[in-house]
Amino acid sequence: MLSKKSQRRRGSRVLVGYARTSTVDQDAGCEAQQRDLKAAGCTKIFADQVSSVAQRAQLNAAIDYLRAGDVLVATKLDRLARSMRDLLQVVDEVKEKGASLRILGIGLDTDTATGTMMLQVLGAVAEHERSLMLERQREGIAKAKAEGKFKGRARTAMAKAGEVEALLAKGVNPTDVARKLGIGRSSVYRAMKERKIKRQPTAYRPI
């Protein structure tokens, strides 16, 4: 049986904060972010002290902690995502949990019409960037083929989609699936999207 405290949390909306600084030497910056997050109403805060390109274990934990109706909050865009494409990936993962995203510094809230419009603009820019990248990639492949150096594409994480689906069916969460298979969590969510796999909502979460 759930405790009374857990029962009360089941129907409540929780603001979950995320803070990040690049090194452990930036304690003041991390504390400032956490202070702003608390002022914004966050009652649960996760913090990483790593560079944006490193594995962000606490961001993964924050997303896993989210439940339907919750809000993931960060102070600035660059504290949460390394690029616009990374931001959109985070948004997809947050939406998969039935939650929304709020960036205090730019007033982005995916639970509002304005926030949705801002995301559409960011998405269009990210898609343009991807088109340019693919164009350069095609040119590079064509050049490599002409020089006899092209060896084809290596096996990708999506080839493990069947294993992803099997583990999720056993109740393993996406972060643990990624860890077990040695792939990125974003690959797990892509596999879920491709195969239209829906996670069963968790009845409660630890306090």
N, C-alpha and C. Protein backbone atom coordinates (compact mmCIF):
# COMPACT_ATOMS: atom_id res chain seq x y z
N MET A 1 0.85 -1.20 0.00
CA MET A 1 0.00 0.00 0.00
C MET A 1 0.88 1.25 0.00
N LEU A 2 0.47 2.26 -0.76
CA LEU A 2 1.24 3.50 -0.83
C LEU A 2 1.08 4.29 0.46
N SER A 3 2.14 5.00 0.84
CA SER A 3 2.05 5.87 2.01
C SER A 3 1.13 7.04 1.68
N LYS A 4 0.66 7.74 2.71
CA LYS A 4 -0.19 8.90 2.48
C LYS A 4 0.53 9.96 1.68
N LYS A 5 1.84 10.12 1.94
CA LYS A 5 2.62 11.13 1.22
C LYS A 5 2.69 10.78 -0.25
N SER A 6 2.91 9.48 -0.59
CA SER A 6 2.99 9.06 -1.97
C SER A 6 1.65 9.20 -2.65
N GLN A 7 0.55 8.88 -1.93
CA GLN A 7 -0.78 8.99 -2.50
C GLN A 7 -1.09 10.44 -2.88
N ARG A 8 -0.68 11.38 -2.02
CA ARG A 8 -0.93 12.80 -2.33
C ARG A 8 -0.18 13.22 -3.57
N ARG A 9 1.05 12.66 -3.78
CA ARG A 9 1.88 13.07 -4.91
C ARG A 9 1.36 12.52 -6.23
N ARG A 10 0.56 11.46 -6.20
CA ARG A 10 0.11 10.84 -7.45
C ARG A 10 -0.66 11.79 -8.32
N GLY A 11 -1.46 12.67 -7.72
CA GLY A 11 -2.27 13.57 -8.51
C GLY A 11 -1.72 14.99 -8.56
N SER A 12 -0.53 15.21 -8.02
CA SER A 12 0.01 16.56 -7.95
C SER A 12 0.95 16.85 -9.10
N ARG A 13 1.01 18.11 -9.49
CA ARG A 13 1.94 18.55 -10.53
C ARG A 13 3.24 18.97 -9.88
N VAL A 14 4.34 18.40 -10.33
CA VAL A 14 5.64 18.67 -9.73
C VAL A 14 6.53 19.42 -10.71
N LEU A 15 7.15 20.50 -10.24
CA LEU A 15 8.16 21.21 -11.03
C LEU A 15 9.52 20.62 -10.69
N VAL A 16 10.14 20.01 -11.69
CA VAL A 16 11.41 19.32 -11.52
C VAL A 16 12.52 20.16 -12.14
N GLY A 17 13.45 20.62 -11.34
CA GLY A 17 14.51 21.49 -11.83
C GLY A 17 15.74 20.73 -12.30
N TYR A 18 16.43 21.31 -13.29
CA TYR A 18 17.70 20.74 -13.74
C TYR A 18 18.73 21.85 -13.86
N ALA A 19 19.88 21.65 -13.22
CA ALA A 19 20.98 22.63 -13.27
C ALA A 19 22.23 21.93 -13.79
N ARG A 20 23.06 22.70 -14.50
CA ARG A 20 24.32 22.13 -14.98
C ARG A 20 25.40 23.20 -15.06
N THR A 21 26.60 22.85 -14.58
CA THR A 21 27.79 23.66 -14.81
C THR A 21 28.85 22.75 -15.42
N SER A 22 29.82 23.35 -16.08
CA SER A 22 30.78 22.56 -16.84
C SER A 22 31.80 21.83 -15.97
N THR A 23 32.18 22.40 -14.83
CA THR A 23 33.19 21.76 -13.98
C THR A 23 32.79 21.87 -12.52
N VAL A 24 33.44 21.04 -11.71
CA VAL A 24 33.15 21.07 -10.27
C VAL A 24 33.64 22.36 -9.62
N ASP A 25 34.46 23.13 -10.35
CA ASP A 25 34.96 24.39 -9.81
C ASP A 25 33.91 25.50 -9.87
N GLN A 26 32.82 25.25 -10.58
CA GLN A 26 31.79 26.29 -10.75
C GLN A 26 30.64 26.09 -9.76
N ASP A 27 30.98 25.86 -8.50
CA ASP A 27 29.96 25.62 -7.48
C ASP A 27 29.00 26.80 -7.35
N ALA A 28 29.54 28.02 -7.43
CA ALA A 28 28.70 29.21 -7.28
C ALA A 28 27.65 29.28 -8.37
N GLY A 29 28.05 28.94 -9.61
CA GLY A 29 27.10 28.96 -10.72
C GLY A 29 26.01 27.93 -10.54
N CYS A 30 26.39 26.76 -10.06
CA CYS A 30 25.41 25.70 -9.83
C CYS A 30 24.44 26.09 -8.72
N GLU A 31 24.99 26.69 -7.66
CA GLU A 31 24.13 27.13 -6.55
C GLU A 31 23.17 28.23 -7.00
N ALA A 32 23.64 29.12 -7.88
CA ALA A 32 22.78 30.20 -8.38
C ALA A 32 21.63 29.63 -9.19
N GLN A 33 21.92 28.64 -10.03
CA GLN A 33 20.87 28.00 -10.82
C GLN A 33 19.85 27.34 -9.91
N GLN A 34 20.34 26.62 -8.91
CA GLN A 34 19.42 25.93 -8.00
C GLN A 34 18.57 26.92 -7.21
N ARG A 35 19.16 28.04 -6.87
CA ARG A 35 18.41 29.08 -6.17
C ARG A 35 17.28 29.62 -7.06
N ASP A 36 17.58 29.86 -8.35
CA ASP A 36 16.57 30.35 -9.28
C ASP A 36 15.47 29.30 -9.51
N LEU A 37 15.88 28.05 -9.56
CA LEU A 37 14.91 26.97 -9.77
C LEU A 37 13.96 26.85 -8.58
N LYS A 38 14.51 26.98 -7.38
CA LYS A 38 13.66 26.93 -6.19
C LYS A 38 12.70 28.11 -6.17
N ALA A 39 13.20 29.28 -6.58
CA ALA A 39 12.35 30.48 -6.62
C ALA A 39 11.22 30.32 -7.63
N ALA A 40 11.47 29.51 -8.67
CA ALA A 40 10.45 29.28 -9.69
C ALA A 40 9.44 28.20 -9.27
N GLY A 41 9.68 27.60 -8.10
CA GLY A 41 8.72 26.63 -7.58
C GLY A 41 9.14 25.18 -7.67
N CYS A 42 10.38 24.93 -8.06
CA CYS A 42 10.85 23.54 -8.18
C CYS A 42 11.02 22.92 -6.80
N THR A 43 10.44 21.75 -6.61
CA THR A 43 10.54 21.04 -5.32
C THR A 43 11.48 19.86 -5.41
N LYS A 44 11.92 19.53 -6.62
CA LYS A 44 12.89 18.44 -6.83
C LYS A 44 13.90 18.95 -7.84
N ILE A 45 15.20 18.90 -7.50
CA ILE A 45 16.23 19.45 -8.39
C ILE A 45 17.34 18.43 -8.61
N PHE A 46 17.72 18.28 -9.88
CA PHE A 46 18.83 17.42 -10.27
C PHE A 46 19.93 18.32 -10.83
N ALA A 47 21.19 17.99 -10.56
CA ALA A 47 22.30 18.85 -11.01
C ALA A 47 23.47 18.02 -11.52
N ASP A 48 23.99 18.41 -12.67
CA ASP A 48 25.19 17.82 -13.25
C ASP A 48 26.32 18.83 -13.19
N GLN A 49 27.54 18.36 -12.99
CA GLN A 49 28.72 19.22 -13.09
C GLN A 49 29.66 18.57 -14.10
N VAL A 50 29.22 18.64 -15.36
CA VAL A 50 29.95 18.05 -16.48
C VAL A 50 29.80 18.96 -17.69
N SER A 51 30.64 18.77 -18.71
CA SER A 51 30.51 19.54 -19.93
C SER A 51 29.27 19.07 -20.68
N SER A 52 28.78 19.89 -21.61
CA SER A 52 27.55 19.56 -22.34
C SER A 52 27.71 18.33 -23.21
N VAL A 53 28.96 17.99 -23.60
CA VAL A 53 29.17 16.84 -24.48
C VAL A 53 29.36 15.55 -23.69
N ALA A 54 29.50 15.64 -22.38
CA ALA A 54 29.67 14.45 -21.55
C ALA A 54 28.30 13.84 -21.23
N GLN A 55 28.34 12.62 -20.71
CA GLN A 55 27.10 11.96 -20.30
C GLN A 55 26.47 12.73 -19.15
N ARG A 56 25.21 13.12 -19.31
CA ARG A 56 24.53 13.91 -18.28
C ARG A 56 23.60 13.01 -17.48
N ALA A 57 24.19 12.31 -16.52
CA ALA A 57 23.45 11.31 -15.75
C ALA A 57 22.26 11.90 -15.00
N GLN A 58 22.43 13.10 -14.45
CA GLN A 58 21.34 13.71 -13.68
C GLN A 58 20.21 14.23 -14.57
N LEU A 59 20.52 14.59 -15.81
CA LEU A 59 19.45 14.95 -16.75
C LEU A 59 18.62 13.71 -17.06
N ASN A 60 19.30 12.59 -17.28
CA ASN A 60 18.58 11.33 -17.50
C ASN A 60 17.69 11.01 -16.31
N ALA A 61 18.25 11.20 -15.10
CA ALA A 61 17.48 10.90 -13.89
C ALA A 61 16.28 11.84 -13.75
N ALA A 62 16.47 13.11 -14.12
CA ALA A 62 15.37 14.08 -14.03
C ALA A 62 14.22 13.69 -14.96
N ILE A 63 14.56 13.29 -16.18
CA ILE A 63 13.53 12.91 -17.15
C ILE A 63 12.83 11.63 -16.69
N ASP A 64 13.60 10.68 -16.16
CA ASP A 64 13.00 9.45 -15.65
C ASP A 64 12.06 9.72 -14.48
N TYR A 65 12.37 10.76 -13.70
CA TYR A 65 11.56 11.11 -12.53
C TYR A 65 10.20 11.71 -12.91
N LEU A 66 10.12 12.31 -14.10
CA LEU A 66 8.90 12.99 -14.52
C LEU A 66 7.71 12.04 -14.62
N ARG A 67 6.55 12.58 -14.28
CA ARG A 67 5.29 11.87 -14.46
C ARG A 67 4.34 12.80 -15.22
N ALA A 68 3.24 12.26 -15.70
CA ALA A 68 2.27 13.03 -16.48
C ALA A 68 1.85 14.29 -15.73
N GLY A 69 1.93 15.44 -16.42
CA GLY A 69 1.52 16.71 -15.82
C GLY A 69 2.66 17.49 -15.19
N ASP A 70 3.82 16.85 -15.00
CA ASP A 70 4.97 17.53 -14.39
C ASP A 70 5.61 18.50 -15.38
N VAL A 71 6.53 19.33 -14.88
CA VAL A 71 7.25 20.30 -15.70
C VAL A 71 8.75 20.18 -15.41
N LEU A 72 9.54 20.00 -16.47
CA LEU A 72 10.99 20.03 -16.33
C LEU A 72 11.44 21.47 -16.54
N VAL A 73 12.19 22.01 -15.58
CA VAL A 73 12.55 23.43 -15.61
C VAL A 73 14.08 23.59 -15.61
N ALA A 74 14.58 24.45 -16.49
CA ALA A 74 16.00 24.82 -16.51
C ALA A 74 16.09 26.34 -16.57
N THR A 75 17.19 26.90 -16.10
CA THR A 75 17.31 28.36 -16.09
C THR A 75 17.62 28.92 -17.47
N LYS A 76 18.50 28.23 -18.21
CA LYS A 76 18.89 28.70 -19.54
C LYS A 76 18.95 27.52 -20.51
N LEU A 77 18.81 27.84 -21.78
CA LEU A 77 18.82 26.82 -22.82
C LEU A 77 20.12 26.04 -22.85
N ASP A 78 21.26 26.76 -22.72
CA ASP A 78 22.55 26.07 -22.82
C ASP A 78 22.88 25.23 -21.59
N ARG A 79 22.11 25.38 -20.52
CA ARG A 79 22.29 24.51 -19.36
C ARG A 79 21.62 23.16 -19.58
N LEU A 80 20.66 23.12 -20.51
CA LEU A 80 19.89 21.90 -20.75
C LEU A 80 20.34 21.14 -21.99
N ALA A 81 20.58 21.86 -23.10
CA ALA A 81 20.85 21.19 -24.37
C ALA A 81 22.12 21.70 -25.01
N ARG A 82 22.79 20.81 -25.75
CA ARG A 82 24.05 21.17 -26.42
C ARG A 82 23.80 21.76 -27.80
N SER A 83 22.60 21.59 -28.34
CA SER A 83 22.26 22.12 -29.66
C SER A 83 20.74 22.15 -29.78
N MET A 84 20.25 22.74 -30.85
CA MET A 84 18.80 22.77 -31.05
C MET A 84 18.24 21.37 -31.27
N ARG A 85 18.99 20.55 -31.99
CA ARG A 85 18.55 19.17 -32.19
C ARG A 85 18.51 18.42 -30.87
N ASP A 86 19.47 18.68 -30.02
CA ASP A 86 19.48 18.04 -28.70
C ASP A 86 18.29 18.52 -27.89
N LEU A 87 17.98 19.81 -27.98
CA LEU A 87 16.81 20.35 -27.29
C LEU A 87 15.54 19.64 -27.73
N LEU A 88 15.37 19.49 -29.04
CA LEU A 88 14.16 18.85 -29.55
C LEU A 88 14.07 17.40 -29.11
N GLN A 89 15.23 16.73 -28.99
CA GLN A 89 15.26 15.37 -28.50
C GLN A 89 14.80 15.31 -27.04
N VAL A 90 15.29 16.27 -26.24
CA VAL A 90 14.87 16.34 -24.84
C VAL A 90 13.36 16.59 -24.77
N VAL A 91 12.87 17.50 -25.59
CA VAL A 91 11.43 17.81 -25.61
C VAL A 91 10.62 16.56 -25.92
N ASP A 92 11.07 15.78 -26.91
CA ASP A 92 10.36 14.54 -27.27
C ASP A 92 10.32 13.58 -26.09
N GLU A 93 11.44 13.47 -25.37
CA GLU A 93 11.49 12.57 -24.22
C GLU A 93 10.57 13.04 -23.10
N VAL A 94 10.54 14.36 -22.90
CA VAL A 94 9.67 14.94 -21.87
C VAL A 94 8.20 14.72 -22.25
N LYS A 95 7.86 14.93 -23.51
CA LYS A 95 6.48 14.74 -23.98
C LYS A 95 6.06 13.28 -23.85
N GLU A 96 7.03 12.38 -24.09
CA GLU A 96 6.75 10.95 -23.95
C GLU A 96 6.29 10.61 -22.53
N LYS A 97 6.76 11.39 -21.56
CA LYS A 97 6.36 11.18 -20.17
C LYS A 97 5.07 11.90 -19.82
N GLY A 98 4.50 12.64 -20.80
CA GLY A 98 3.27 13.39 -20.53
C GLY A 98 3.53 14.67 -19.77
N ALA A 99 4.79 15.13 -19.81
CA ALA A 99 5.19 16.34 -19.07
C ALA A 99 5.49 17.47 -20.06
N SER A 100 5.89 18.63 -19.54
CA SER A 100 6.23 19.77 -20.39
C SER A 100 7.58 20.34 -19.95
N LEU A 101 8.11 21.25 -20.77
CA LEU A 101 9.43 21.84 -20.53
C LEU A 101 9.32 23.34 -20.38
N ARG A 102 10.08 23.91 -19.43
CA ARG A 102 10.09 25.35 -19.23
C ARG A 102 11.54 25.84 -19.11
N ILE A 103 11.89 26.84 -19.93
CA ILE A 103 13.22 27.46 -19.85
C ILE A 103 13.03 28.89 -19.34
N LEU A 104 13.48 29.16 -18.14
CA LEU A 104 13.20 30.44 -17.49
C LEU A 104 13.80 31.62 -18.24
N GLY A 105 15.04 31.47 -18.73
CA GLY A 105 15.75 32.60 -19.32
C GLY A 105 15.13 33.17 -20.58
N ILE A 106 14.43 32.33 -21.37
CA ILE A 106 13.82 32.81 -22.62
C ILE A 106 12.29 32.72 -22.60
N GLY A 107 11.74 32.36 -21.45
CA GLY A 107 10.29 32.29 -21.34
C GLY A 107 9.66 31.19 -22.17
N LEU A 108 10.41 30.14 -22.44
CA LEU A 108 9.88 29.02 -23.22
C LEU A 108 9.12 28.07 -22.32
N ASP A 109 7.87 27.81 -22.67
CA ASP A 109 7.04 26.86 -21.93
C ASP A 109 6.25 26.05 -22.95
N THR A 110 6.57 24.77 -23.08
CA THR A 110 5.93 23.95 -24.12
C THR A 110 4.47 23.65 -23.80
N ASP A 111 4.01 24.11 -22.63
CA ASP A 111 2.61 23.92 -22.26
C ASP A 111 1.74 25.08 -22.72
N THR A 112 2.34 26.07 -23.43
CA THR A 112 1.60 27.23 -23.92
C THR A 112 1.68 27.31 -25.45
N ALA A 113 0.76 28.07 -26.04
CA ALA A 113 0.75 28.23 -27.49
C ALA A 113 2.01 28.94 -27.97
N THR A 114 2.45 29.96 -27.22
CA THR A 114 3.67 30.68 -27.59
C THR A 114 4.89 29.75 -27.53
N GLY A 115 4.95 28.93 -26.50
CA GLY A 115 6.05 27.99 -26.37
C GLY A 115 6.07 26.99 -27.51
N THR A 116 4.89 26.55 -27.92
CA THR A 116 4.79 25.61 -29.04
C THR A 116 5.29 26.27 -30.32
N MET A 117 4.94 27.54 -30.52
CA MET A 117 5.37 28.27 -31.71
C MET A 117 6.90 28.43 -31.71
N MET A 118 7.46 28.74 -30.56
CA MET A 118 8.92 28.89 -30.44
C MET A 118 9.61 27.57 -30.80
N LEU A 119 9.03 26.47 -30.35
CA LEU A 119 9.62 25.17 -30.65
C LEU A 119 9.56 24.87 -32.15
N GLN A 120 8.46 25.27 -32.79
CA GLN A 120 8.32 25.05 -34.23
C GLN A 120 9.40 25.81 -34.99
N VAL A 121 9.68 27.04 -34.54
CA VAL A 121 10.74 27.83 -35.18
C VAL A 121 12.09 27.16 -34.96
N LEU A 122 12.36 26.75 -33.73
CA LEU A 122 13.61 26.07 -33.42
C LEU A 122 13.73 24.77 -34.22
N GLY A 123 12.61 24.08 -34.36
CA GLY A 123 12.61 22.83 -35.13
C GLY A 123 12.93 23.07 -36.59
N ALA A 124 12.39 24.16 -37.15
CA ALA A 124 12.65 24.48 -38.55
C ALA A 124 14.13 24.80 -38.76
N VAL A 125 14.72 25.53 -37.82
CA VAL A 125 16.14 25.85 -37.92
C VAL A 125 16.98 24.58 -37.80
N ALA A 126 16.60 23.70 -36.87
CA ALA A 126 17.33 22.45 -36.69
C ALA A 126 17.24 21.57 -37.94
N GLU A 127 16.07 21.57 -38.57
CA GLU A 127 15.90 20.76 -39.78
C GLU A 127 16.75 21.32 -40.92
N HIS A 128 16.84 22.65 -40.99
CA HIS A 128 17.69 23.28 -42.00
C HIS A 128 19.15 22.89 -41.78
N GLU A 129 19.57 22.92 -40.51
CA GLU A 129 20.94 22.52 -40.18
C GLU A 129 21.19 21.07 -40.57
N ARG A 130 20.20 20.22 -40.32
CA ARG A 130 20.35 18.81 -40.66
C ARG A 130 20.45 18.62 -42.17
N SER A 131 19.66 19.38 -42.93
CA SER A 131 19.71 19.29 -44.39
C SER A 131 21.09 19.66 -44.91
N LEU A 132 21.66 20.72 -44.34
CA LEU A 132 23.01 21.13 -44.74
C LEU A 132 24.04 20.06 -44.39
N MET A 133 23.88 19.46 -43.21
CA MET A 133 24.80 18.42 -42.78
C MET A 133 24.72 17.20 -43.71
N LEU A 134 23.48 16.80 -44.06
CA LEU A 134 23.30 15.64 -44.94
C LEU A 134 23.86 15.93 -46.34
N GLU A 135 23.70 17.19 -46.78
CA GLU A 135 24.24 17.55 -48.08
C GLU A 135 25.76 17.43 -48.08
N ARG A 136 26.40 17.91 -47.02
CA ARG A 136 27.85 17.78 -46.91
C ARG A 136 28.26 16.32 -46.79
N GLN A 137 27.44 15.54 -46.10
CA GLN A 137 27.74 14.12 -45.94
C GLN A 137 27.67 13.40 -47.29
N ARG A 138 26.63 13.72 -48.09
CA ARG A 138 26.50 13.10 -49.41
C ARG A 138 27.68 13.46 -50.31
N GLU A 139 28.09 14.72 -50.22
CA GLU A 139 29.24 15.15 -51.02
C GLU A 139 30.50 14.40 -50.60
N GLY A 140 30.65 14.21 -49.27
CA GLY A 140 31.81 13.49 -48.77
C GLY A 140 31.82 12.03 -49.19
N ILE A 141 30.64 11.40 -49.18
CA ILE A 141 30.53 10.00 -49.60
C ILE A 141 30.83 9.85 -51.08
N ALA A 142 30.27 10.80 -51.87
CA ALA A 142 30.52 10.75 -53.31
C ALA A 142 32.01 10.88 -53.61
N LYS A 143 32.68 11.76 -52.88
CA LYS A 143 34.11 11.95 -53.07
C LYS A 143 34.88 10.70 -52.66
N ALA A 144 34.47 10.09 -51.50
CA ALA A 144 35.14 8.89 -51.02
C ALA A 144 34.95 7.73 -51.98
N LYS A 145 33.75 7.62 -52.57
CA LYS A 145 33.49 6.56 -53.54
C LYS A 145 34.37 6.73 -54.77
N ALA A 146 34.46 7.98 -55.21
CA ALA A 146 35.27 8.26 -56.40
C ALA A 146 36.73 7.91 -56.17
N GLU A 147 37.16 8.02 -54.92
CA GLU A 147 38.56 7.72 -54.58
C GLU A 147 38.74 6.29 -54.09
N GLY A 148 37.62 5.51 -54.12
CA GLY A 148 37.68 4.12 -53.70
C GLY A 148 37.89 3.92 -52.21
N LYS A 149 37.47 4.89 -51.39
CA LYS A 149 37.69 4.81 -49.94
C LYS A 149 36.43 4.54 -49.15
N PHE A 150 35.26 4.53 -49.80
CA PHE A 150 34.00 4.39 -49.07
C PHE A 150 33.74 2.93 -48.72
N LYS A 151 33.49 2.65 -47.45
CA LYS A 151 33.29 1.27 -47.00
C LYS A 151 31.86 1.00 -46.52
N GLY A 152 30.98 1.96 -46.70
CA GLY A 152 29.60 1.75 -46.27
C GLY A 152 29.39 2.13 -44.82
N ARG A 153 28.14 2.09 -44.40
CA ARG A 153 27.77 2.52 -43.05
C ARG A 153 27.86 1.37 -42.05
N ALA A 154 28.42 1.68 -40.90
CA ALA A 154 28.54 0.66 -39.85
C ALA A 154 27.17 0.39 -39.23
N ARG A 155 27.05 -0.74 -38.54
CA ARG A 155 25.83 -1.12 -37.84
C ARG A 155 25.46 -0.02 -36.83
N THR A 156 24.20 0.40 -36.84
CA THR A 156 23.76 1.48 -35.96
C THR A 156 22.99 0.93 -34.78
N ALA A 157 22.77 1.84 -33.80
CA ALA A 157 22.03 1.45 -32.59
C ALA A 157 20.61 1.02 -32.93
N MET A 158 20.02 1.56 -34.01
CA MET A 158 18.65 1.21 -34.37
C MET A 158 18.53 -0.27 -34.75
N ALA A 159 19.65 -0.90 -35.06
CA ALA A 159 19.60 -2.33 -35.35
C ALA A 159 19.24 -3.13 -34.11
N LYS A 160 19.32 -2.50 -32.96
CA LYS A 160 18.99 -3.17 -31.70
C LYS A 160 17.56 -2.88 -31.26
N ALA A 161 16.74 -2.37 -32.18
CA ALA A 161 15.37 -1.98 -31.83
C ALA A 161 14.58 -3.14 -31.25
N GLY A 162 14.82 -4.35 -31.78
CA GLY A 162 14.10 -5.52 -31.26
C GLY A 162 14.45 -5.80 -29.81
N GLU A 163 15.74 -5.65 -29.48
CA GLU A 163 16.18 -5.85 -28.10
C GLU A 163 15.62 -4.76 -27.19
N VAL A 164 15.55 -3.55 -27.73
CA VAL A 164 14.97 -2.44 -26.97
C VAL A 164 13.51 -2.75 -26.61
N GLU A 165 12.75 -3.20 -27.62
CA GLU A 165 11.33 -3.49 -27.41
C GLU A 165 11.15 -4.62 -26.39
N ALA A 166 12.00 -5.64 -26.47
CA ALA A 166 11.90 -6.77 -25.55
C ALA A 166 12.15 -6.36 -24.10
N LEU A 167 13.18 -5.52 -23.89
CA LEU A 167 13.49 -5.07 -22.54
C LEU A 167 12.41 -4.16 -21.98
N LEU A 168 11.87 -3.27 -22.83
CA LEU A 168 10.79 -2.38 -22.38
C LEU A 168 9.56 -3.18 -22.00
N ALA A 169 9.30 -4.27 -22.75
CA ALA A 169 8.15 -5.12 -22.47
C ALA A 169 8.28 -5.80 -21.10
N LYS A 170 9.53 -5.96 -20.65
CA LYS A 170 9.78 -6.56 -19.34
C LYS A 170 9.70 -5.53 -18.21
N GLY A 171 9.46 -4.28 -18.58
CA GLY A 171 9.33 -3.23 -17.58
C GLY A 171 10.61 -2.49 -17.27
N VAL A 172 11.66 -2.72 -18.07
CA VAL A 172 12.92 -2.00 -17.87
C VAL A 172 12.76 -0.57 -18.37
N ASN A 173 13.21 0.44 -17.61
CA ASN A 173 13.04 1.83 -18.06
C ASN A 173 14.07 2.18 -19.14
N PRO A 174 13.79 3.21 -19.95
CA PRO A 174 14.66 3.56 -21.07
C PRO A 174 16.13 3.78 -20.72
N THR A 175 16.38 4.42 -19.56
CA THR A 175 17.77 4.66 -19.17
C THR A 175 18.51 3.35 -18.94
N ASP A 176 17.85 2.39 -18.26
CA ASP A 176 18.49 1.10 -18.02
C ASP A 176 18.61 0.28 -19.30
N VAL A 177 17.63 0.43 -20.22
CA VAL A 177 17.72 -0.24 -21.51
C VAL A 177 18.96 0.23 -22.25
N ALA A 178 19.16 1.56 -22.28
CA ALA A 178 20.32 2.13 -22.96
C ALA A 178 21.61 1.61 -22.35
N ARG A 179 21.64 1.54 -21.02
CA ARG A 179 22.85 1.08 -20.32
C ARG A 179 23.14 -0.40 -20.63
N LYS A 180 22.10 -1.23 -20.62
CA LYS A 180 22.27 -2.66 -20.88
C LYS A 180 22.75 -2.94 -22.30
N LEU A 181 22.24 -2.15 -23.27
CA LEU A 181 22.56 -2.40 -24.67
C LEU A 181 23.75 -1.60 -25.17
N GLY A 182 24.26 -0.69 -24.33
CA GLY A 182 25.41 0.10 -24.72
C GLY A 182 25.11 1.11 -25.81
N ILE A 183 23.89 1.67 -25.78
CA ILE A 183 23.50 2.68 -26.76
C ILE A 183 23.02 3.93 -26.02
N GLY A 184 22.81 5.02 -26.74
CA GLY A 184 22.33 6.25 -26.13
C GLY A 184 20.85 6.17 -25.80
N ARG A 185 20.43 6.93 -24.78
CA ARG A 185 19.01 6.93 -24.42
C ARG A 185 18.16 7.47 -25.56
N SER A 186 18.73 8.41 -26.34
CA SER A 186 17.99 8.95 -27.48
C SER A 186 17.69 7.86 -28.49
N SER A 187 18.60 6.87 -28.63
CA SER A 187 18.36 5.75 -29.55
C SER A 187 17.20 4.89 -29.07
N VAL A 188 17.09 4.76 -27.75
CA VAL A 188 15.98 4.00 -27.18
C VAL A 188 14.65 4.67 -27.52
N TYR A 189 14.62 6.01 -27.35
CA TYR A 189 13.38 6.74 -27.64
C TYR A 189 13.06 6.73 -29.14
N ARG A 190 14.10 6.75 -29.99
CA ARG A 190 13.84 6.65 -31.43
C ARG A 190 13.23 5.30 -31.77
N ALA A 191 13.75 4.25 -31.14
CA ALA A 191 13.21 2.91 -31.38
C ALA A 191 11.76 2.84 -30.92
N MET A 192 11.48 3.46 -29.77
CA MET A 192 10.11 3.49 -29.26
C MET A 192 9.18 4.23 -30.23
N LYS A 193 9.69 5.31 -30.80
CA LYS A 193 8.88 6.09 -31.74
C LYS A 193 8.65 5.33 -33.02
N GLU A 194 9.72 4.68 -33.55
CA GLU A 194 9.61 3.93 -34.79
C GLU A 194 8.63 2.77 -34.66
N ARG A 195 8.69 2.08 -33.54
CA ARG A 195 7.85 0.89 -33.32
C ARG A 195 6.56 1.21 -32.57
N LYS A 196 6.36 2.51 -32.28
CA LYS A 196 5.16 2.97 -31.61
C LYS A 196 4.96 2.25 -30.28
N ILE A 197 6.04 2.18 -29.51
CA ILE A 197 6.00 1.52 -28.21
C ILE A 197 5.61 2.56 -27.16
N LYS A 198 4.63 2.27 -26.37
CA LYS A 198 4.19 3.17 -25.31
C LYS A 198 4.56 2.59 -23.96
N ARG A 199 5.14 3.41 -23.12
CA ARG A 199 5.47 2.97 -21.77
C ARG A 199 4.24 2.99 -20.89
N GLN A 200 4.15 2.02 -19.98
CA GLN A 200 3.08 2.02 -19.01
C GLN A 200 3.39 3.03 -17.91
N PRO A 201 2.43 3.88 -17.53
CA PRO A 201 2.71 4.88 -16.50
C PRO A 201 3.03 4.22 -15.16
N THR A 202 3.97 4.81 -14.42
CA THR A 202 4.34 4.30 -13.10
C THR A 202 3.36 4.82 -12.07
N ALA A 203 2.93 3.97 -11.16
CA ALA A 203 1.90 4.36 -10.20
C ALA A 203 2.37 5.44 -9.25
N TYR A 204 3.64 5.35 -8.84
CA TYR A 204 4.17 6.37 -7.92
C TYR A 204 5.66 6.45 -8.10
N ARG A 205 6.26 7.45 -7.51
CA ARG A 205 7.71 7.61 -7.60
C ARG A 205 8.27 7.83 -6.21
N PRO A 206 9.57 7.56 -6.04
CA PRO A 206 10.17 7.80 -4.73
C PRO A 206 10.24 9.28 -4.44
N ILE A 207 10.18 9.62 -3.21
CA ILE A 207 10.22 11.04 -2.79
C ILE A 207 11.67 11.47 -2.67
